[in-house]
């Protein structure tokens, strides 16, 4: 739920493999997003990322492989004034298997060029690409 100043607190997961970023296709918004979602009232960003990834990808995140990375502020997709405030966590997936939850139609790894060919782009995802490229985590 958005707070009173027009911002939406969220948590997102950054999984990189073969120089590509894992994105999840939301059935509701019809766009590719970082896996994760809204932080519920009384919940920390860390608690939220664990819950959201269990719901969306049926993954139990391993705490020793999860690392806080950055904060992204971006216009929430499909909104005119609502700003998404996203806490982003890096995660190494290793051999864990993704099983899609009901909200997610697909997951796929993208480089920026492939993502830009999609019919819709999410500003927060583009900012994640910017930061990961600036920090040389994606090339």
C-alpha atoms as a PDB file:
ATOM      1  CA  UNK A   1       0.000   0.000   0.000  1.00  0.00           C
ATOM      2  CA  UNK A   2       1.409   3.428  -0.908  1.00  0.00           C
ATOM      3  CA  UNK A   3       2.269   5.760   1.931  1.00  0.00           C
ATOM      4  CA  UNK A   4       0.788   9.235   2.284  1.00  0.00           C
ATOM      5  CA  UNK A   5       3.529  11.020   0.320  1.00  0.00           C
ATOM      6  CA  UNK A   6       2.896   9.066  -2.884  1.00  0.00           C
ATOM      7  CA  UNK A   7       5.661   6.499  -2.582  1.00  0.00           C
ATOM      8  CA  UNK A   8       5.486   2.732  -2.801  1.00  0.00           C
ATOM      9  CA  UNK A   9       8.064   0.822  -0.706  1.00  0.00           C
ATOM     10  CA  UNK A  10       9.250  -2.327  -2.497  1.00  0.00           C
ATOM     11  CA  UNK A  11      12.062  -4.880  -2.481  1.00  0.00           C
ATOM     12  CA  UNK A  12      13.652  -6.342  -5.606  1.00  0.00           C
ATOM     13  CA  UNK A  13      15.973  -9.241  -6.321  1.00  0.00           C
ATOM     14  CA  UNK A  14      18.952  -8.930  -8.663  1.00  0.00           C
ATOM     15  CA  UNK A  15      20.122 -12.268 -10.046  1.00  0.00           C
ATOM     16  CA  UNK A  16      22.865 -12.122 -12.680  1.00  0.00           C
ATOM     17  CA  UNK A  17      23.845 -15.064 -14.873  1.00  0.00           C
ATOM     18  CA  UNK A  18      25.967 -14.996 -18.035  1.00  0.00           C
ATOM     19  CA  UNK A  19      25.985 -11.187 -17.996  1.00  0.00           C
ATOM     20  CA  UNK A  20      22.163 -11.011 -17.968  1.00  0.00           C
ATOM     21  CA  UNK A  21      19.626  -9.963 -15.347  1.00  0.00           C
ATOM     22  CA  UNK A  22      16.754 -12.205 -14.243  1.00  0.00           C
ATOM     23  CA  UNK A  23      13.327 -10.616 -14.734  1.00  0.00           C
ATOM     24  CA  UNK A  24       9.836 -11.909 -13.997  1.00  0.00           C
ATOM     25  CA  UNK A  25       6.823 -11.254 -16.232  1.00  0.00           C
ATOM     26  CA  UNK A  26       3.890 -10.019 -14.169  1.00  0.00           C
ATOM     27  CA  UNK A  27       0.508 -11.304 -15.286  1.00  0.00           C
ATOM     28  CA  UNK A  28      -1.153  -8.262 -13.674  1.00  0.00           C
ATOM     29  CA  UNK A  29       0.991  -5.500 -15.189  1.00  0.00           C
ATOM     30  CA  UNK A  30       1.961  -7.252 -18.437  1.00  0.00           C
ATOM     31  CA  UNK A  31       5.605  -6.192 -18.097  1.00  0.00           C
ATOM     32  CA  UNK A  32       8.980  -7.604 -17.034  1.00  0.00           C
ATOM     33  CA  UNK A  33      10.042  -6.617 -13.512  1.00  0.00           C
ATOM     34  CA  UNK A  34      12.691  -7.448 -10.961  1.00  0.00           C
ATOM     35  CA  UNK A  35      11.368 -10.348  -8.885  1.00  0.00           C
ATOM     36  CA  UNK A  36      10.039  -9.000  -5.592  1.00  0.00           C
ATOM     37  CA  UNK A  37       7.274  -6.631  -4.656  1.00  0.00           C
ATOM     38  CA  UNK A  38       5.594  -4.389  -2.131  1.00  0.00           C
ATOM     39  CA  UNK A  39       6.803  -4.185   1.442  1.00  0.00           C
ATOM     40  CA  UNK A  40       3.829  -4.833   3.725  1.00  0.00           C
ATOM     41  CA  UNK A  41       3.097  -2.658   6.770  1.00  0.00           C
ATOM     42  CA  UNK A  42       5.265  -3.730   9.695  1.00  0.00           C
ATOM     43  CA  UNK A  43       7.611  -5.671   7.407  1.00  0.00           C
ATOM     44  CA  UNK A  44      11.272  -4.895   6.722  1.00  0.00           C
ATOM     45  CA  UNK A  45      12.672  -4.888   3.186  1.00  0.00           C
ATOM     46  CA  UNK A  46      14.607  -8.051   4.015  1.00  0.00           C
ATOM     47  CA  UNK A  47      11.494  -9.826   5.303  1.00  0.00           C
ATOM     48  CA  UNK A  48       9.613  -8.651   2.207  1.00  0.00           C
ATOM     49  CA  UNK A  49      12.169  -9.960  -0.294  1.00  0.00           C
ATOM     50  CA  UNK A  50      12.105 -13.391   1.373  1.00  0.00           C
ATOM     51  CA  UNK A  51       8.268 -13.487   1.350  1.00  0.00           C
ATOM     52  CA  UNK A  52       7.857 -12.126  -2.178  1.00  0.00           C
ATOM     53  CA  UNK A  53      10.390 -14.545  -3.683  1.00  0.00           C
ATOM     54  CA  UNK A  54       8.683 -17.471  -1.928  1.00  0.00           C
ATOM     55  CA  UNK A  55       5.337 -16.330  -3.388  1.00  0.00           C
ATOM     56  CA  UNK A  56       6.561 -15.493  -6.909  1.00  0.00           C
ATOM     57  CA  UNK A  57       9.330 -18.020  -7.574  1.00  0.00           C
ATOM     58  CA  UNK A  58       8.817 -20.641  -4.838  1.00  0.00           C
ATOM     59  CA  UNK A  59      12.409 -20.112  -3.711  1.00  0.00           C
ATOM     60  CA  UNK A  60      13.678 -20.134  -0.167  1.00  0.00           C
ATOM     61  CA  UNK A  61      16.451 -17.514  -0.319  1.00  0.00           C
ATOM     62  CA  UNK A  62      19.677 -18.570   1.368  1.00  0.00           C
ATOM     63  CA  UNK A  63      20.713 -15.704   3.682  1.00  0.00           C
ATOM     64  CA  UNK A  64      24.438 -16.216   3.052  1.00  0.00           C
ATOM     65  CA  UNK A  65      23.885 -15.687  -0.713  1.00  0.00           C
ATOM     66  CA  UNK A  66      21.721 -12.551  -0.308  1.00  0.00           C
ATOM     67  CA  UNK A  67      23.435  -9.163  -0.159  1.00  0.00           C
ATOM     68  CA  UNK A  68      21.963  -5.663   0.064  1.00  0.00           C
ATOM     69  CA  UNK A  69      23.031  -3.739  -3.042  1.00  0.00           C
ATOM     70  CA  UNK A  70      21.264  -0.402  -3.563  1.00  0.00           C
ATOM     71  CA  UNK A  71      18.155   1.748  -3.384  1.00  0.00           C
ATOM     72  CA  UNK A  72      16.301   2.705  -6.564  1.00  0.00           C
ATOM     73  CA  UNK A  73      13.722   5.481  -6.839  1.00  0.00           C
ATOM     74  CA  UNK A  74      11.623   5.399 -10.005  1.00  0.00           C
ATOM     75  CA  UNK A  75       8.142   6.173 -11.225  1.00  0.00           C
ATOM     76  CA  UNK A  76       5.969   3.124 -10.545  1.00  0.00           C
ATOM     77  CA  UNK A  77       5.055   1.409 -13.804  1.00  0.00           C
ATOM     78  CA  UNK A  78       1.636   2.454 -15.080  1.00  0.00           C
ATOM     79  CA  UNK A  79       1.386   5.334 -12.588  1.00  0.00           C
ATOM     80  CA  UNK A  80       1.564   9.083 -13.198  1.00  0.00           C
ATOM     81  CA  UNK A  81       2.768  10.283  -9.789  1.00  0.00           C
ATOM     82  CA  UNK A  82       3.439   7.254  -7.573  1.00  0.00           C
ATOM     83  CA  UNK A  83       7.145   6.785  -6.899  1.00  0.00           C
ATOM     84  CA  UNK A  84       8.532   3.320  -6.244  1.00  0.00           C
ATOM     85  CA  UNK A  85      11.185   3.201  -3.526  1.00  0.00           C
ATOM     86  CA  UNK A  86      12.953  -0.133  -4.014  1.00  0.00           C
ATOM     87  CA  UNK A  87      15.553  -1.821  -1.843  1.00  0.00           C
ATOM     88  CA  UNK A  88      17.559  -4.113  -4.130  1.00  0.00           C
ATOM     89  CA  UNK A  89      19.387  -7.271  -3.111  1.00  0.00           C
ATOM     90  CA  UNK A  90      21.957  -9.239  -5.087  1.00  0.00           C
ATOM     91  CA  UNK A  91      21.500 -12.985  -5.015  1.00  0.00           C
ATOM     92  CA  UNK A  92      23.431 -15.929  -6.385  1.00  0.00           C
ATOM     93  CA  UNK A  93      20.900 -18.517  -7.545  1.00  0.00           C
ATOM     94  CA  UNK A  94      23.349 -21.417  -7.947  1.00  0.00           C
ATOM     95  CA  UNK A  95      21.429 -24.691  -8.383  1.00  0.00           C
ATOM     96  CA  UNK A  96      18.071 -23.614  -6.922  1.00  0.00           C
ATOM     97  CA  UNK A  97      15.083 -24.308  -9.157  1.00  0.00           C
ATOM     98  CA  UNK A  98      12.459 -21.642  -9.880  1.00  0.00           C
ATOM     99  CA  UNK A  99       8.805 -22.715  -9.826  1.00  0.00           C
ATOM    100  CA  UNK A 100       6.489 -19.909 -10.938  1.00  0.00           C
ATOM    101  CA  UNK A 101       3.818 -18.617  -8.566  1.00  0.00           C
ATOM    102  CA  UNK A 102       0.367 -17.584  -9.785  1.00  0.00           C
ATOM    103  CA  UNK A 103       1.281 -13.900 -10.348  1.00  0.00           C
ATOM    104  CA  UNK A 104       4.230 -14.704 -12.620  1.00  0.00           C
ATOM    105  CA  UNK A 105       3.791 -15.859 -16.224  1.00  0.00           C
ATOM    106  CA  UNK A 106       7.508 -16.374 -16.986  1.00  0.00           C
ATOM    107  CA  UNK A 107      11.071 -15.634 -15.925  1.00  0.00           C
ATOM    108  CA  UNK A 108      13.905 -14.873 -18.303  1.00  0.00           C
ATOM    109  CA  UNK A 109      17.425 -13.451 -18.242  1.00  0.00           C
ATOM    110  CA  UNK A 110      17.859 -10.181 -20.162  1.00  0.00           C
ATOM    111  CA  UNK A 111      20.669  -7.936 -21.255  1.00  0.00           C
ATOM    112  CA  UNK A 112      19.726  -4.274 -21.721  1.00  0.00           C
ATOM    113  CA  UNK A 113      19.454  -4.510 -25.516  1.00  0.00           C
ATOM    114  CA  UNK A 114      17.050  -7.466 -25.357  1.00  0.00           C
ATOM    115  CA  UNK A 115      14.992  -5.776 -22.648  1.00  0.00           C
ATOM    116  CA  UNK A 116      14.657  -2.605 -24.732  1.00  0.00           C
ATOM    117  CA  UNK A 117      13.045  -4.671 -27.503  1.00  0.00           C
ATOM    118  CA  UNK A 118      10.134  -5.606 -25.207  1.00  0.00           C
ATOM    119  CA  UNK A 119       6.821  -3.760 -25.782  1.00  0.00           C
ATOM    120  CA  UNK A 120       6.991  -2.212 -22.276  1.00  0.00           C
ATOM    121  CA  UNK A 121       9.935  -1.117 -20.131  1.00  0.00           C
ATOM    122  CA  UNK A 122       9.809  -0.463 -16.402  1.00  0.00           C
ATOM    123  CA  UNK A 123      11.799   2.596 -15.266  1.00  0.00           C
ATOM    124  CA  UNK A 124      13.047   0.807 -12.140  1.00  0.00           C
ATOM    125  CA  UNK A 125      14.462  -2.053 -14.235  1.00  0.00           C
ATOM    126  CA  UNK A 126      16.267   0.435 -16.497  1.00  0.00           C
ATOM    127  CA  UNK A 127      17.757   2.105 -13.412  1.00  0.00           C
ATOM    128  CA  UNK A 128      18.869  -1.307 -12.144  1.00  0.00           C
ATOM    129  CA  UNK A 129      20.637  -1.917 -15.474  1.00  0.00           C
ATOM    130  CA  UNK A 130      22.280   1.542 -15.158  1.00  0.00           C
ATOM    131  CA  UNK A 131      23.602   0.844 -11.658  1.00  0.00           C
ATOM    132  CA  UNK A 132      24.760  -2.701 -12.411  1.00  0.00           C
ATOM    133  CA  UNK A 133      26.584  -1.498 -15.542  1.00  0.00           C
ATOM    134  CA  UNK A 134      28.149   1.468 -13.708  1.00  0.00           C
ATOM    135  CA  UNK A 135      29.432  -0.923 -11.029  1.00  0.00           C
ATOM    136  CA  UNK A 136      30.635  -3.331 -13.766  1.00  0.00           C
ATOM    137  CA  UNK A 137      28.416  -6.165 -12.553  1.00  0.00           C
ATOM    138  CA  UNK A 138      26.907  -6.203 -16.064  1.00  0.00           C
ATOM    139  CA  UNK A 139      28.936  -5.301 -19.146  1.00  0.00           C
END
